């Protein structure tokens, strides 16, 4: 099986590692968290409350992190 090398920032590595089980590879984790075809661009530009953009982003990030952890 072919493989590729990737460079990621330390924070990205720590986040990915937090989803990794004892007997899982990083490839297993990536496959798990990216399963399904979702159009991530669909929601861009749809926020109506631009004053609270930082709060909206943080809430979205927390929800995503929670959803990804629940996939284990």
Protein backbone atom coordinates (compact mmCIF):
# COMPACT_ATOMS: atom_id res chain seq x y z
CA UNK A 1 0.00 0.00 0.00
CA UNK A 2 1.35 3.44 -0.92
CA UNK A 3 1.83 6.11 1.72
CA UNK A 4 2.32 9.87 1.80
CA UNK A 5 4.09 12.11 4.29
CA UNK A 6 2.24 15.12 5.68
CA UNK A 7 3.45 18.12 7.63
CA UNK A 8 1.09 19.51 10.25
CA UNK A 9 1.41 22.14 12.95
CA UNK A 10 1.94 20.93 16.52
CA UNK A 11 -1.61 21.91 17.51
CA UNK A 12 -3.05 19.93 14.58
CA UNK A 13 -0.97 16.91 15.62
CA UNK A 14 -2.17 17.14 19.25
CA UNK A 15 -5.80 17.40 18.16
CA UNK A 16 -5.50 14.44 15.81
CA UNK A 17 -3.67 12.42 18.46
CA UNK A 18 -6.48 13.09 20.97
CA UNK A 19 -8.85 11.10 18.69
CA UNK A 20 -6.44 8.19 18.30
CA UNK A 21 -7.16 4.98 20.16
CA UNK A 22 -4.45 2.72 21.55
CA UNK A 23 -4.60 0.32 18.60
CA UNK A 24 -5.37 2.88 15.88
CA UNK A 25 -3.04 4.43 13.36
CA UNK A 26 -3.25 8.07 12.34
CA UNK A 27 -4.59 6.85 8.99
CA UNK A 28 -7.40 5.06 10.86
CA UNK A 29 -8.28 8.28 12.69
CA UNK A 30 -8.24 10.38 9.53
CA UNK A 31 -10.47 7.87 7.75
CA UNK A 32 -12.87 7.84 10.70
CA UNK A 33 -13.23 11.60 11.09
CA UNK A 34 -13.55 12.22 7.36
CA UNK A 35 -16.05 9.51 6.51
CA UNK A 36 -19.14 10.70 4.71
CA UNK A 37 -19.25 13.36 2.05
CA UNK A 38 -20.12 16.71 3.54
CA UNK A 39 -19.86 20.01 1.75
CA UNK A 40 -17.83 21.99 4.27
CA UNK A 41 -18.14 25.15 2.13
CA UNK A 42 -21.94 25.09 2.31
CA UNK A 43 -22.17 27.26 5.43
CA UNK A 44 -19.61 29.91 4.50
CA UNK A 45 -21.07 33.41 4.31
CA UNK A 46 -24.31 32.41 5.99
CA UNK A 47 -23.75 34.04 9.41
CA UNK A 48 -26.15 36.87 10.03
CA UNK A 49 -24.75 37.88 13.44
CA UNK A 50 -21.40 39.30 12.38
CA UNK A 51 -20.86 41.09 15.72
CA UNK A 52 -20.48 37.75 17.53
CA UNK A 53 -18.32 36.05 14.92
CA UNK A 54 -15.59 34.96 17.39
CA UNK A 55 -18.21 33.47 19.72
CA UNK A 56 -19.95 31.70 16.81
CA UNK A 57 -16.64 30.25 15.60
CA UNK A 58 -15.71 29.03 19.08
CA UNK A 59 -19.13 27.40 19.58
CA UNK A 60 -18.86 25.74 16.17
CA UNK A 61 -15.36 24.48 16.96
CA UNK A 62 -16.51 23.05 20.31
CA UNK A 63 -19.47 21.32 18.63
CA UNK A 64 -17.21 19.83 15.96
CA UNK A 65 -14.71 18.60 18.56
CA UNK A 66 -17.55 17.00 20.56
CA UNK A 67 -19.03 15.36 17.44
CA UNK A 68 -15.64 13.97 16.43
CA UNK A 69 -14.98 12.56 19.91
CA UNK A 70 -18.40 10.86 19.87
CA UNK A 71 -17.43 8.96 16.70
CA UNK A 72 -14.95 6.81 18.66
